[in-house]
Protein backbone atom coordinates (compact mmCIF):
# COMPACT_ATOMS: atom_id res chain seq x y z
CA MET A 1 6.20 -22.75 -9.63
CA GLU A 2 7.42 -19.20 -10.16
CA LYS A 3 6.94 -17.04 -7.08
CA THR A 4 5.08 -14.29 -8.89
CA LEU A 5 3.90 -12.50 -5.74
CA GLU A 6 7.19 -12.45 -3.84
CA GLN A 7 9.18 -9.30 -3.15
CA LEU A 8 12.78 -8.99 -4.28
CA PRO A 9 15.20 -8.98 -1.32
CA ILE A 10 16.30 -5.35 -1.59
CA ASN A 11 17.73 -3.35 1.30
CA LEU A 12 15.30 -0.42 1.34
CA ILE A 13 12.93 1.05 3.86
CA LYS A 14 9.53 0.12 2.44
CA VAL A 15 6.53 2.25 3.35
CA VAL A 16 2.94 1.47 2.38
CA LEU A 17 0.01 3.87 2.13
CA PHE A 18 -2.90 1.78 3.37
CA GLY A 19 -6.59 2.40 3.73
CA PRO A 20 -9.98 2.76 2.04
CA GLU A 21 -10.66 4.43 -1.28
CA SER A 22 -10.55 8.20 -1.57
CA THR A 23 -8.44 8.81 1.53
CA GLY A 24 -5.46 10.51 -0.13
CA LYS A 25 -3.06 7.57 -0.54
CA THR A 26 -1.86 8.54 -4.01
CA THR A 27 -1.41 12.20 -3.10
CA MET A 28 0.62 11.24 -0.04
CA SER A 29 2.70 8.73 -2.03
CA GLU A 30 3.67 11.42 -4.52
CA LEU A 31 4.51 13.95 -1.79
CA LEU A 32 6.62 11.50 0.20
CA ALA A 33 8.53 10.33 -2.90
CA LYS A 34 9.26 13.96 -3.75
CA HIS A 35 10.34 14.71 -0.17
CA TYR A 36 12.78 11.78 -0.10
CA ASN A 37 13.87 12.15 -3.73
CA THR A 38 12.90 8.57 -4.45
CA VAL A 39 10.33 6.68 -6.50
CA TRP A 40 6.85 5.57 -5.56
CA VAL A 41 4.90 2.52 -6.68
CA PRO A 42 1.47 3.38 -8.14
CA GLU A 43 -1.59 1.26 -7.53
CA TYR A 44 -1.62 -1.21 -10.41
CA ALA A 45 -5.34 -1.92 -9.88
CA ARG A 46 -6.27 1.61 -10.95
CA GLU A 47 -4.88 1.23 -14.46
CA TYR A 48 -6.00 -2.40 -14.77
CA LEU A 49 -9.59 -1.73 -13.68
CA GLN A 50 -9.92 1.56 -15.55
CA ASN A 51 -8.93 -0.24 -18.76
CA LYS A 52 -11.46 -2.97 -17.99
CA TRP A 53 -14.18 -0.38 -17.39
CA ASN A 54 -13.30 1.56 -20.55
CA ASN A 55 -13.27 -1.56 -22.72
CA GLU A 56 -15.98 -3.74 -21.18
CA ARG A 57 -18.00 -1.48 -18.88
CA LYS A 58 -17.34 -4.02 -16.14
CA THR A 59 -16.10 -3.43 -12.59
CA CYS A 60 -13.77 -5.58 -10.51
CA GLU A 61 -14.54 -9.28 -10.20
CA ASP A 62 -12.91 -11.86 -7.94
CA THR A 63 -11.02 -13.29 -10.94
CA ASP A 64 -9.27 -9.93 -11.36
CA LEU A 65 -7.58 -9.99 -7.96
CA LEU A 66 -4.74 -12.38 -8.72
CA PRO A 67 -3.73 -10.59 -11.97
CA ILE A 68 -3.89 -7.29 -10.05
CA ALA A 69 -1.70 -8.71 -7.26
CA ARG A 70 0.84 -10.03 -9.77
CA GLY A 71 0.94 -6.70 -11.59
CA GLN A 72 1.40 -4.84 -8.30
CA ILE A 73 4.37 -6.92 -7.15
CA LYS A 74 5.98 -6.82 -10.61
CA LEU A 75 5.73 -3.02 -10.52
CA GLU A 76 7.05 -2.87 -6.95
CA ASN A 77 10.04 -5.08 -7.75
CA GLU A 78 10.91 -3.05 -10.86
CA LEU A 79 10.69 0.30 -9.09
CA ALA A 80 12.55 -0.95 -6.01
CA LEU A 81 15.65 -1.16 -8.21
CA LYS A 82 15.35 2.59 -8.88
CA ALA A 83 14.59 3.74 -5.34
CA ASP A 84 16.98 5.64 -3.09
CA LYS A 85 16.90 4.36 0.52
CA VAL A 86 13.09 4.53 0.74
CA LEU A 87 10.41 2.96 -1.44
CA ILE A 88 6.93 4.45 -1.15
CA CYS A 89 4.13 2.04 -2.09
CA ASP A 90 0.63 3.29 -2.87
CA THR A 91 -0.72 -0.13 -1.85
CA ASP A 92 0.35 -3.71 -1.13
CA LEU A 93 -1.03 -7.24 -1.29
CA LEU A 94 -2.50 -7.00 2.21
CA GLU A 95 -4.76 -4.23 0.89
CA THR A 96 -5.82 -6.48 -2.00
CA LYS A 97 -6.51 -9.25 0.54
CA VAL A 98 -8.75 -6.91 2.56
CA TYR A 99 -10.74 -6.00 -0.56
CA SER A 100 -11.08 -9.68 -1.43
CA GLU A 101 -12.41 -10.46 2.06
CA GLU A 102 -14.80 -7.51 2.13
CA TYR A 103 -16.18 -7.78 -1.41
CA TYR A 104 -16.18 -11.53 -2.04
CA GLY A 105 -17.55 -13.10 1.12
CA GLY A 106 -14.27 -13.54 2.95
CA ILE A 107 -12.73 -15.62 0.15
CA VAL A 108 -9.06 -15.00 -0.71
CA HIS A 109 -7.04 -16.89 -3.33
CA PRO A 110 -4.45 -19.03 -1.47
CA GLU A 111 -1.51 -17.52 -3.37
CA LEU A 112 -2.66 -13.97 -2.61
CA ASP A 113 -3.27 -14.89 1.03
CA LYS A 114 0.20 -16.41 1.39
CA TYR A 115 2.16 -13.49 -0.01
CA ALA A 116 -0.04 -10.80 1.53
CA LEU A 117 1.23 -12.14 4.85
CA LYS A 118 4.75 -13.11 3.77
CA ASN A 119 5.83 -9.85 2.08
CA GLN A 120 7.18 -7.37 4.60
CA TYR A 121 7.21 -3.59 4.93
CA ASP A 122 8.81 -1.35 7.53
CA LEU A 123 5.85 0.95 8.06
CA TYR A 124 2.19 1.25 7.10
CA LEU A 125 0.55 4.67 6.94
CA LEU A 126 -3.16 4.14 7.60
CA THR A 127 -5.12 6.94 5.92
CA ASN A 128 -8.21 8.07 7.79
CA ILE A 129 -11.59 8.78 6.19
CA ASP A 130 -11.58 12.41 7.37
CA THR A 131 -11.18 13.52 3.73
CA PRO A 132 -13.95 14.31 1.23
CA TRP A 133 -15.19 11.41 -0.91
CA GLU A 134 -14.24 11.88 -4.57
CA ALA A 135 -16.28 9.74 -6.94
CA ASP A 136 -14.89 8.21 -10.14
CA ASP A 137 -15.59 5.24 -12.44
CA LEU A 138 -14.12 2.72 -10.00
CA ARG A 139 -14.88 3.87 -6.48
CA ASP A 140 -17.94 2.63 -4.65
CA ARG A 141 -19.33 2.21 -1.13
CA PRO A 142 -19.10 5.87 -0.05
CA GLU A 143 -21.73 5.04 2.58
CA GLN A 144 -19.52 2.31 4.08
CA ARG A 145 -16.33 4.27 4.69
CA GLU A 146 -16.31 3.60 8.45
CA GLU A 147 -16.74 -0.15 7.95
CA MET A 148 -13.98 -0.25 5.32
CA TYR A 149 -11.63 1.80 7.52
CA ALA A 150 -12.23 -0.65 10.38
CA ALA A 151 -11.46 -3.58 8.07
CA PHE A 152 -8.12 -2.05 7.05
CA GLU A 153 -7.21 -1.12 10.62
CA ASN A 154 -8.07 -4.63 11.85
CA ALA A 155 -5.93 -6.19 9.11
CA LEU A 156 -2.91 -4.26 10.37
CA ILE A 157 -3.58 -5.07 14.02
CA ASN A 158 -4.40 -8.75 13.45
CA ASN A 159 -1.29 -9.28 11.32
CA ASN A 160 1.05 -7.36 13.67
CA ARG A 161 2.04 -4.78 11.06
CA PRO A 162 3.88 -1.63 12.20
CA PHE A 163 1.59 1.31 11.47
CA ILE A 164 0.65 4.84 12.33
CA ARG A 165 -2.56 6.69 11.53
CA LEU A 166 -2.63 9.69 9.22
CA ASN A 167 -5.38 12.18 10.09
CA GLY A 168 -6.25 15.72 9.15
CA ASP A 169 -5.24 17.75 6.12
CA ILE A 170 -2.37 16.99 3.75
CA LYS A 171 0.10 19.17 5.63
CA ALA A 172 -0.63 17.47 8.97
CA ARG A 173 -0.42 14.01 7.41
CA LEU A 174 2.83 14.73 5.63
CA LYS A 175 4.43 16.02 8.84
CA VAL A 176 3.51 12.89 10.80
CA ALA A 177 4.58 10.57 7.98
CA VAL A 178 7.96 12.28 7.52
CA MET A 179 8.69 12.16 11.26
CA ALA A 180 7.98 8.41 11.31
CA ILE A 181 10.04 7.66 8.20
CA ASP A 182 12.94 9.83 9.39
CA GLU A 183 12.97 7.85 12.64
CA LEU A 184 13.22 4.60 10.66
CA MET A 185 16.04 6.01 8.53
CA ASN A 186 17.95 7.20 11.59
CA LYS A 187 17.63 3.79 13.25
CA ARG A 188 18.91 2.08 10.12
CA ASP A 189 21.82 4.53 9.79
CA ASN A 190 22.76 4.04 13.44
CA LEU A 191 22.60 0.27 13.06
CA SER A 192 24.83 0.44 9.97
CA THR A 193 27.33 2.65 11.78
CA TYR A 194 27.36 0.32 14.79
CA SER A 195 27.79 -2.79 12.60
CA GLY A 196 30.58 -1.12 10.66
CA SER A 197 32.52 -0.31 13.82
CA LEU A 198 32.62 -3.93 15.02
């Protein structure tokens, strides 16, 4: 069977914006990609579900999650080939897994579950809910932001993912994110230099 949810083995620093809806993930993805002169991977679910809403007036169903996951990884793998040193991802399969657990009674498709845990990233940026809620056609549960934030945070902790929290306004978040990514880049550069001198 084709491994449709598997990442390509590309030597990049991969960073994921991770957290509940309406917490500034897309804005931060764009800013970080601009800062590092690289590309960012949009959230495939946005386009997929907006088209579904426009055409059928239906919201996300559990049967949508696997097509969304496949579209997300396809997009990530394509854009990884165009990235320079750092790839910024607006989401990942672990985020899709959290939504599946929270919205569909803890049920996760086995293929999604497998690759949500198998695919690896160097850093997760957990976006806090200290931003105003912005409603649109797709977003829901504004009254459950704390519960959703806890679910995302627990997913990172329980799966031993490297993460930092982004709080405050855009400027404060960007500063913290850049410091963390710069540290990763410096470590990788130092490791490359050390390996090359052997």
